[in-house]
Protein backbone atom coordinates (compact mmCIF):
# COMPACT_ATOMS: atom_id res chain seq x y z
CA MET A 1 52.77 17.17 129.66
CA ARG A 2 53.82 15.79 126.31
CA LYS A 3 53.14 19.40 124.71
CA SER A 4 55.29 21.06 127.44
CA LEU A 5 58.29 18.55 126.88
CA LEU A 6 58.18 19.36 123.10
CA TYR A 7 57.97 23.17 123.90
CA ILE A 8 61.18 22.91 126.01
CA CYS A 9 63.02 20.86 123.36
CA LEU A 10 62.04 23.52 120.85
CA VAL A 11 63.46 26.19 123.01
CA ILE A 12 66.60 24.42 123.64
CA SER A 13 67.02 24.00 119.71
CA VAL A 14 66.57 27.57 119.15
CA ILE A 15 69.08 28.63 121.67
CA SER A 16 71.74 26.12 120.55
CA ALA A 17 70.98 27.30 117.10
CA CYS A 18 71.51 30.90 118.10
CA HIS A 19 75.06 30.03 119.83
CA LYS A 20 75.90 28.44 116.63
CA ALA A 21 75.10 31.22 114.70
CA GLU A 22 76.80 33.59 116.87
CA ASP A 23 80.05 31.37 116.62
CA ASP A 24 79.73 31.43 112.85
CA VAL A 25 79.69 35.25 112.96
CA PHE A 26 82.89 35.35 114.38
CA GLY A 27 84.44 32.58 112.32
CA ASN A 28 86.25 31.17 115.42
CA SER A 29 85.56 29.93 118.94
CA PRO A 30 86.45 32.24 121.96
CA ASP A 31 89.56 30.07 123.06
CA ASN A 32 90.63 29.98 119.39
CA ARG A 33 90.52 33.56 119.02
CA LEU A 34 92.24 34.16 122.57
CA ASN A 35 95.10 31.84 121.38
CA ASP A 36 95.43 33.61 118.08
CA THR A 37 95.85 36.96 120.18
CA LEU A 38 98.47 35.34 122.32
CA ALA A 39 100.18 33.83 119.18
CA ARG A 40 100.26 37.54 117.83
CA TYR A 41 101.90 38.99 121.17
CA GLN A 42 104.39 36.09 121.08
CA THR A 43 105.32 36.97 117.61
CA MET A 44 105.84 40.54 118.55
CA LEU A 45 107.87 40.12 121.68
CA SER A 46 110.29 37.48 120.10
CA GLY A 47 110.59 39.18 116.71
CA ALA A 48 111.48 42.44 117.74
CA ALA A 49 114.91 43.06 115.95
CA HIS A 50 116.35 45.32 118.79
CA GLY A 51 114.44 44.38 121.79
CA TRP A 52 112.04 46.35 123.87
CA LYS A 53 111.82 49.15 126.39
CA MET A 54 109.44 48.63 129.36
CA ILE A 55 108.30 51.50 131.40
CA ILE A 56 106.63 50.87 134.56
CA ALA A 57 104.87 53.33 137.10
CA PRO A 58 104.55 51.07 140.21
CA ALA A 59 101.17 51.98 142.33
CA GLY A 60 103.22 53.06 145.34
CA MET A 61 105.59 55.57 143.68
CA ASP A 62 103.07 58.30 143.48
CA GLY A 63 103.76 58.87 139.70
CA GLY A 64 107.49 57.64 139.90
CA THR A 65 108.56 55.60 136.95
CA PHE A 66 111.28 52.75 136.27
CA SER A 67 112.77 51.68 132.83
CA PHE A 68 113.87 48.31 131.56
CA TYR A 69 115.31 47.06 128.24
CA MET A 70 114.14 43.63 127.53
CA GLN A 71 114.99 40.89 124.83
CA PHE A 72 112.46 38.26 124.54
CA ASN A 73 112.72 34.98 122.71
CA ASP A 74 110.50 32.12 121.54
CA SER A 75 111.48 29.74 124.39
CA ASN A 76 109.92 31.74 127.12
CA ARG A 77 113.26 33.37 128.12
CA VAL A 78 113.87 37.04 128.62
CA LYS A 79 116.94 39.02 129.19
CA MET A 80 116.72 42.41 130.94
CA LEU A 81 118.77 45.37 132.01
CA ALA A 82 117.13 48.11 134.36
CA ASP A 83 117.67 51.74 135.26
CA PHE A 84 117.91 51.23 139.00
CA ASP A 85 121.79 51.78 139.34
CA ALA A 86 124.98 51.55 137.53
CA THR A 87 125.17 47.86 137.99
CA ALA A 88 121.72 46.89 137.07
CA ALA A 89 122.37 48.97 133.84
CA VAL A 90 125.01 46.75 132.50
CA THR A 91 124.51 43.57 134.07
CA ILE A 92 122.08 41.26 132.15
CA LYS A 93 119.77 39.04 134.07
CA GLU A 94 117.71 36.20 132.60
CA SER A 95 114.48 35.02 133.52
CA SER A 96 111.42 33.17 132.19
CA TYR A 97 108.23 34.66 130.94
CA ARG A 98 104.83 33.48 129.64
CA LEU A 99 101.83 34.51 127.75
CA LYS A 100 98.77 32.97 129.27
CA ALA A 101 94.98 33.56 129.16
CA LEU A 102 93.60 34.52 132.56
CA GLN A 103 90.28 35.74 131.58
CA GLN A 104 92.18 38.16 129.39
CA PRO A 105 95.63 37.91 127.52
CA CYS A 106 98.42 38.20 130.06
CA LEU A 107 102.08 38.53 130.20
CA LEU A 108 103.55 36.83 133.27
CA PHE A 109 107.20 37.44 134.40
CA ASP A 110 107.23 34.08 136.48
CA THR A 111 110.78 33.70 137.91
CA TYR A 112 112.79 36.52 139.99
CA SER A 113 113.97 39.17 137.91
CA TYR A 114 114.78 42.96 137.93
CA LEU A 115 111.18 43.62 137.42
CA HIS A 116 110.56 41.36 140.56
CA GLU A 117 113.02 43.66 142.76
CA LEU A 118 110.27 46.67 142.65
CA ALA A 119 107.72 44.21 144.29
CA ASP A 120 110.03 42.39 146.54
CA PRO A 121 108.56 42.47 150.09
CA ASP A 122 111.80 43.09 151.64
CA ALA A 123 111.81 46.90 151.76
CA SER A 124 115.76 47.08 151.95
CA ILE A 125 115.71 45.85 148.41
CA ASN A 126 113.67 48.69 146.85
CA GLY A 127 112.95 51.25 149.67
CA GLY A 128 109.44 50.61 149.64
CA VAL A 129 106.94 49.14 152.21
CA TYR A 130 107.62 46.01 154.21
CA GLY A 131 105.36 43.27 153.13
CA GLU A 132 104.58 45.17 149.81
CA GLY A 133 107.68 46.68 148.33
CA LEU A 134 106.58 49.59 146.03
CA TYR A 135 103.19 48.05 145.13
CA ALA A 136 104.63 47.02 141.75
CA ASP A 137 103.56 44.30 139.39
CA PHE A 138 105.28 41.44 137.60
CA GLU A 139 101.99 40.16 135.96
CA PHE A 140 100.43 42.12 133.44
CA ILE A 141 97.03 42.24 131.52
CA LEU A 142 97.83 42.99 127.83
CA ASN A 143 95.60 45.85 127.06
CA GLY A 144 96.34 46.07 123.13
CA ILE A 145 98.78 47.05 120.77
CA ARG A 146 99.38 50.64 119.07
CA ALA A 147 101.69 50.81 116.31
CA ASP A 148 104.96 49.74 118.15
CA THR A 149 103.48 49.80 121.57
CA ILE A 150 102.04 47.26 123.91
CA GLN A 151 99.89 48.71 126.63
CA LEU A 152 100.04 46.98 130.01
CA THR A 153 98.29 47.12 133.39
CA GLY A 154 99.33 45.32 136.48
CA ARG A 155 97.21 42.53 137.66
CA TYR A 156 97.20 43.04 141.32
CA HIS A 157 98.19 46.62 141.95
CA GLU A 158 97.10 48.00 138.59
CA SER A 159 100.56 49.56 137.81
CA ARG A 160 100.76 51.56 134.54
CA ALA A 161 103.22 50.15 132.31
CA PHE A 162 103.90 49.76 128.36
CA LEU A 163 106.59 48.20 126.15
CA VAL A 164 107.66 49.85 123.11
CA ALA A 165 110.10 48.41 120.50
CA ALA A 166 113.61 49.64 120.79
CA THR A 167 115.36 51.14 117.86
CA ALA A 168 119.04 50.16 116.62
CA GLU A 169 120.51 53.30 118.24
CA GLU A 170 118.66 52.30 121.64
CA GLU A 171 119.99 48.95 121.57
CA ALA A 172 123.50 50.23 120.91
CA ALA A 173 123.36 52.42 123.75
CA TYR A 174 122.15 49.87 126.17
CA PHE A 175 125.07 47.66 125.38
CA GLY A 176 127.57 50.47 124.93
CA THR A 177 129.80 51.98 127.32
CA PRO A 178 127.41 53.75 129.98
CA GLN A 179 127.36 57.44 129.18
CA LYS A 180 127.15 59.80 132.05
CA ASN A 181 123.71 61.56 131.95
CA ASP A 182 124.07 65.46 132.69
CA ILE A 183 120.48 65.43 134.27
CA ASP A 184 122.19 63.96 137.37
CA SER A 185 124.16 67.23 137.76
CA LEU A 186 120.79 68.99 139.31
CA SER A 187 121.89 67.25 142.70
CA THR A 188 124.89 69.60 142.85
CA PHE A 189 122.92 72.74 142.30
CA LEU A 190 122.86 74.49 145.62
CA THR A 191 119.19 75.78 145.74
CA TYR A 192 116.22 73.87 146.10
CA PHE A 193 114.46 75.64 143.60
CA LYS A 194 115.30 75.64 140.15
CA ARG A 195 114.02 77.71 136.92
CA LEU A 196 113.25 76.06 134.01
CA THR A 197 113.09 78.53 130.93
CA ILE A 198 111.87 77.30 127.72
CA GLY A 199 111.93 80.13 124.97
CA GLU A 200 110.41 82.99 126.72
CA GLN A 201 108.24 81.02 129.25
CA ALA A 202 109.39 80.39 132.83
CA TYR A 203 108.53 77.35 134.95
CA ASP A 204 109.64 76.23 138.59
CA PHE A 205 111.15 72.49 138.03
CA THR A 206 111.79 70.07 140.65
CA ILE A 207 113.32 66.77 140.25
CA ASN A 208 112.71 63.94 142.81
CA PHE A 209 115.60 61.27 141.93
CA LEU A 210 114.86 59.10 144.86
CA GLY A 211 111.24 59.18 143.94
CA ARG A 212 111.65 59.07 140.29
CA SER A 213 109.24 61.91 139.65
CA ALA A 214 109.42 65.51 138.48
CA THR A 215 107.22 68.71 138.98
CA ILE A 216 106.57 71.63 136.89
CA ASN A 217 104.82 74.72 138.28
CA TRP A 218 103.97 77.71 136.21
CA ILE A 219 101.72 80.93 136.18
CA ASP A 220 99.49 81.40 132.92
CA ALA A 221 98.61 84.49 131.18
CA ALA A 222 95.69 85.19 133.27
CA GLY A 223 97.78 84.80 136.70
CA THR A 224 96.53 81.39 137.45
CA SER A 225 99.12 79.06 138.86
CA HIS A 226 99.60 75.29 137.59
CA SER A 227 101.33 72.21 138.90
CA VAL A 228 101.73 69.07 137.32
CA THR A 229 103.79 65.99 138.80
CA THR A 230 104.73 63.04 136.51
CA GLY A 231 107.31 60.33 136.34
CA PHE A 232 110.39 60.30 134.31
CA TYR A 233 113.07 57.96 133.32
CA PRO A 234 116.63 58.26 131.75
CA VAL A 235 117.25 58.10 128.18
CA PRO A 236 120.49 58.87 126.25
CA GLY A 237 121.18 62.73 126.72
CA GLY A 238 118.14 63.52 128.87
CA ILE A 239 114.94 62.37 130.26
CA GLU A 240 111.54 61.20 129.15
CA PHE A 241 108.44 61.92 130.88
CA TYR A 242 105.61 59.43 131.77
CA PRO A 243 103.00 60.57 131.19
CA ALA A 244 104.03 63.72 129.05
CA ILE A 245 103.21 67.03 130.56
CA THR A 246 100.52 69.30 128.76
CA VAL A 247 101.13 73.03 129.57
CA GLY A 248 98.35 75.28 128.38
CA ASP A 249 95.96 73.97 125.77
CA ASN A 250 98.26 72.12 123.26
CA ASN A 251 102.03 72.43 124.41
CA VAL A 252 103.12 68.72 125.21
CA ILE A 253 106.39 68.59 126.93
CA THR A 254 107.56 64.86 126.52
CA GLY A 255 110.97 65.27 128.06
CA PHE A 256 114.43 67.02 127.88
CA ASP A 257 116.96 66.35 125.11
CA ASN A 258 120.68 67.18 124.70
CA VAL A 259 121.18 68.05 128.37
CA LYS A 260 124.49 69.56 129.11
CA PHE A 261 125.85 70.99 132.34
CA ASN A 262 127.82 73.97 132.44
CA ALA A 263 129.87 73.79 135.99
CA ALA A 264 130.98 77.22 135.65
CA SER A 265 127.50 79.13 135.61
CA THR A 266 125.76 75.90 137.31
CA THR A 267 123.24 75.64 134.57
CA LEU A 268 122.02 73.21 132.34
CA SER A 269 121.43 73.69 128.74
CA LEU A 270 118.97 71.38 127.01
CA THR A 271 116.17 71.29 124.50
CA VAL A 272 112.41 70.94 124.80
CA ASN A 273 110.50 69.88 121.54
CA ASN A 274 113.62 71.46 119.60
CA THR A 275 113.37 74.60 121.39
CA ALA A 276 116.36 75.88 123.27
CA ALA A 277 115.75 75.81 127.33
CA THR A 278 117.72 76.19 130.45
CA ILE A 279 117.52 75.17 134.25
CA ALA A 280 119.36 77.75 136.53
CA GLU A 281 119.49 78.13 140.55
CA THR A 282 116.97 80.47 141.88
CA ALA A 283 116.19 81.30 145.63
CA LYS A 284 112.44 81.87 145.09
CA PRO A 285 109.92 79.80 143.12
CA LEU A 286 107.59 81.32 140.62
CA VAL A 287 104.62 79.61 142.44
CA VAL A 288 103.93 79.49 146.20
CA ASP A 289 101.20 78.06 148.05
CA LYS A 290 100.71 80.77 150.47
CA THR A 291 98.37 78.80 152.61
CA LEU A 292 100.72 75.65 153.03
CA PRO A 293 102.47 76.84 156.06
CA LYS A 294 99.81 77.40 158.26
CA LYS A 295 97.98 74.09 156.97
CA TRP A 296 101.42 72.23 157.65
CA TYR A 297 101.48 73.73 161.18
CA ASP A 298 97.78 73.44 162.18
CA ALA A 299 97.50 69.95 160.89
CA ILE A 300 100.35 68.43 163.25
CA VAL A 301 98.71 70.61 166.21
CA ALA A 302 95.60 69.07 165.75
CA SER A 303 96.98 65.48 165.56
CA GLY A 304 98.89 66.13 168.87
CA ASN A 305 101.62 64.41 167.08
CA TYR A 306 104.92 65.76 165.66
CA TYR A 307 106.98 65.74 162.38
CA SER A 308 110.14 63.74 162.14
CA ASN A 309 113.45 64.35 160.23
CA TYR A 310 115.96 61.59 159.39
CA ALA A 311 118.50 62.99 157.07
CA GLY A 312 119.29 66.36 159.15
CA ILE A 313 119.47 69.80 157.52
CA HIS A 314 120.54 70.16 153.99
CA THR A 315 122.88 72.98 153.66
CA ASN A 316 126.02 73.92 152.34
CA GLY A 317 125.37 71.70 149.36
CA MET A 318 125.34 68.43 151.59
CA ASN A 319 122.80 66.44 153.25
CA ASP A 320 123.26 66.57 157.28
CA GLY A 321 125.36 69.87 156.35
CA LEU A 322 125.40 70.52 160.04
CA GLY A 323 126.97 67.06 161.29
CA PHE A 324 124.16 65.94 163.36
CA ALA A 325 125.17 62.12 162.94
CA SER A 326 128.37 63.15 164.80
CA LEU A 327 126.26 64.04 167.83
CA PRO A 328 126.59 61.34 170.60
CA ASN A 329 123.85 58.72 170.14
CA TYR A 330 121.85 60.71 167.76
CA TYR A 331 118.95 59.19 166.23
CA PHE A 332 116.50 61.64 164.50
CA MET A 333 115.19 65.15 164.86
CA ILE A 334 111.55 66.12 165.48
CA PHE A 335 109.45 69.22 165.22
CA TYR A 336 106.84 69.09 167.97
CA PRO A 337 104.49 72.08 168.03
CA LYS A 338 102.94 73.03 171.43
CA TYR A 339 105.20 70.54 173.00
CA GLY A 340 103.92 68.81 176.17
CA GLY A 341 100.49 71.05 175.65
CA GLY A 342 102.75 74.17 176.28
CA ASN A 343 102.92 77.50 174.83
CA TYR A 344 106.17 76.84 172.84
CA ASP A 345 107.37 74.47 169.78
CA LEU A 346 110.36 72.06 170.19
CA LEU A 347 112.92 71.20 167.75
CA GLY A 348 113.80 67.87 169.46
CA PHE A 349 116.94 65.88 169.28
CA VAL A 350 116.26 62.29 169.94
CA THR A 351 119.03 59.83 171.02
CA LEU A 352 119.14 55.94 171.24
CA GLU A 353 119.95 55.07 174.74
CA GLU A 354 119.96 51.85 176.67
CA ASP A 355 116.41 51.94 177.46
CA GLY A 356 115.47 52.99 173.89
CA ALA A 357 114.59 56.23 171.98
CA THR A 358 114.88 59.24 174.14
CA LEU A 359 114.00 63.09 173.61
CA SER A 360 117.00 64.34 175.18
CA TYR A 361 117.36 68.11 174.16
CA GLY A 362 116.58 70.87 171.76
CA PRO A 363 115.78 74.56 171.31
CA ALA A 364 112.31 75.83 171.87
CA PHE A 365 110.40 78.75 169.96
CA LYS A 366 107.41 80.83 170.22
CA ALA A 367 104.65 79.92 168.12
CA PRO A 368 105.30 80.93 164.58
CA ALA A 369 104.26 83.79 162.51
CA PHE A 370 102.80 83.33 159.06
CA THR A 371 103.37 86.03 156.35
CA ASP A 372 101.07 87.10 153.35
CA ASP A 373 103.44 86.00 150.95
CA GLY A 374 103.62 82.33 152.15
CA ARG A 375 106.70 81.93 154.80
CA ILE A 376 106.67 80.65 158.13
CA ARG A 377 108.98 82.27 160.81
CA PHE A 378 110.17 81.35 164.26
CA THR A 379 111.48 83.20 167.21
CA TYR A 380 113.79 81.53 169.42
CA TYR A 381 112.13 81.03 173.05
CA GLY A 382 114.65 78.74 175.21
CA PHE A 383 116.24 75.47 175.60
CA LEU A 384 115.07 72.19 176.69
CA GLY A 385 117.46 69.72 178.38
CA THR A 386 121.32 70.03 178.18
CA ALA A 387 122.97 69.57 174.86
CA PRO A 388 126.36 67.52 174.74
CA ASP A 389 129.57 69.37 175.48
CA GLY A 390 131.22 70.87 172.68
CA GLU A 391 128.50 70.41 170.05
CA THR A 392 127.98 73.33 167.46
CA ALA A 393 125.45 71.28 165.34
CA VAL A 394 122.37 72.17 167.65
CA THR A 395 123.55 75.85 168.04
CA ALA A 396 123.81 76.18 164.21
CA ALA A 397 120.46 74.23 163.94
CA ARG A 398 118.66 76.94 166.31
CA THR A 399 120.33 79.82 164.63
CA LEU A 400 118.97 78.64 160.92
CA PHE A 401 115.60 77.64 162.39
CA ALA A 402 115.23 81.24 163.54
CA ASP A 403 116.34 82.89 160.56
CA THR A 404 114.11 86.08 160.41
CA ASN A 405 113.57 85.34 156.58
CA GLY A 406 111.66 82.38 157.33
CA TYR A 407 110.74 79.33 155.31
CA TYR A 408 108.70 78.23 152.43
CA LEU A 409 106.67 74.83 152.63
CA VAL A 410 106.61 72.70 149.71
CA GLN A 411 104.59 69.35 149.89
CA ALA A 412 107.17 66.94 148.10
CA SER A 413 104.78 63.87 148.48
CA PRO A 414 101.47 62.95 150.48
CA THR A 415 103.57 62.20 153.52
CA THR A 416 106.60 64.52 153.32
CA TYR A 417 106.91 68.43 153.30
CA ASP A 418 110.41 70.40 152.31
CA MET A 419 110.73 73.54 154.72
CA VAL A 420 113.03 75.68 152.30
CA SER A 421 114.93 78.72 153.23
CA ALA A 422 113.33 81.92 152.07
CA LYS A 423 117.07 83.54 152.50
CA ASP A 424 118.62 82.02 149.63
CA GLY A 425 116.93 78.70 148.96
CA LYS A 426 120.21 76.92 150.13
CA THR A 427 118.96 75.33 153.18
CA TRP A 428 116.16 72.86 153.89
CA ILE A 429 114.57 70.36 155.85
CA THR A 430 112.61 67.44 154.83
CA TRP A 431 109.62 66.59 157.35
CA TYR A 432 107.77 63.42 157.59
């Protein structure tokens, strides 16, 4: 027994010696090393001469991004601006922050700020999901420092983010008179599809201002089509992409610079990596998913459900260009294939009555035809119910829907599809 106790004491002594030796190798305890790391971050954050830009891609945004300008001091206070809207871009909000060790070094924004608005559970604040917002974060793991950039990951939703030291010019731009960003002029283009030309290379370019994302499609020399969607955020004179878009083997597009709008020709001139480029209207995309129209139709038939539209038909350069909102008690529109188990598809108009939402009337169409070049075409069949007296919007919708040129389908997000007129690209319907 005495020998056993001596053996145990010897083992404990050896283990203790090993731990001491390991500590000696690093020259400092783990706690001290972590505190030194936090102190280094604190010095960087509060010592930046011109503040910081923060870029965040909330987990619920499908790649969309937001940008902020921040000034940290050494008393755990931070001032910030945000690119949400014209007010947030010029109105400074001050809140608190902490650097804390939570298994890893972390940066916590611990009182309500612009950053918290992305995560606000009230969806009316950010357009996200009730209870979750945009699945954004306001507590971040500090992943490391690379040159003047601090890499971040959200602690709860794993939002991708980074802080990069601002330049004197950028600081002046944030606090100067707000300048109009001509990239916004893309919303005035009449066609859904836009043609981006960089040098001699042509691309399809789509920008989603609400979703804060952009998509570039192209066909390579071998005839293979490609598509990349990424987030974007505004910068003086243009936009930056996060992450950057790689086209081909080594052509990296980080953003658009020197963006200028020409109203007479409805074009944007810009530069990409110092190469002259343009964005212009186009009726037909370079890249067409020829299988999507039938997949879109078959999927909703298989589910026994319907697609919904809340914004009306975009035409004549306007959302709800036909004026559905003026219809009596109008609520929303649906596309219901094989309505009621029948042999026709219904473009239904839902109204809000005393007893709730009611499918009141709408034009019906025969089962659609699918063309080899990727279009869906509808043929008018008849009318269900009775339209309001004197209406013109429903009749116009029936005519547009049955246009013999048909429609292309574009999947705009995991849950939304845009049905775009193949006639001229100037009419489209967003289906949820």
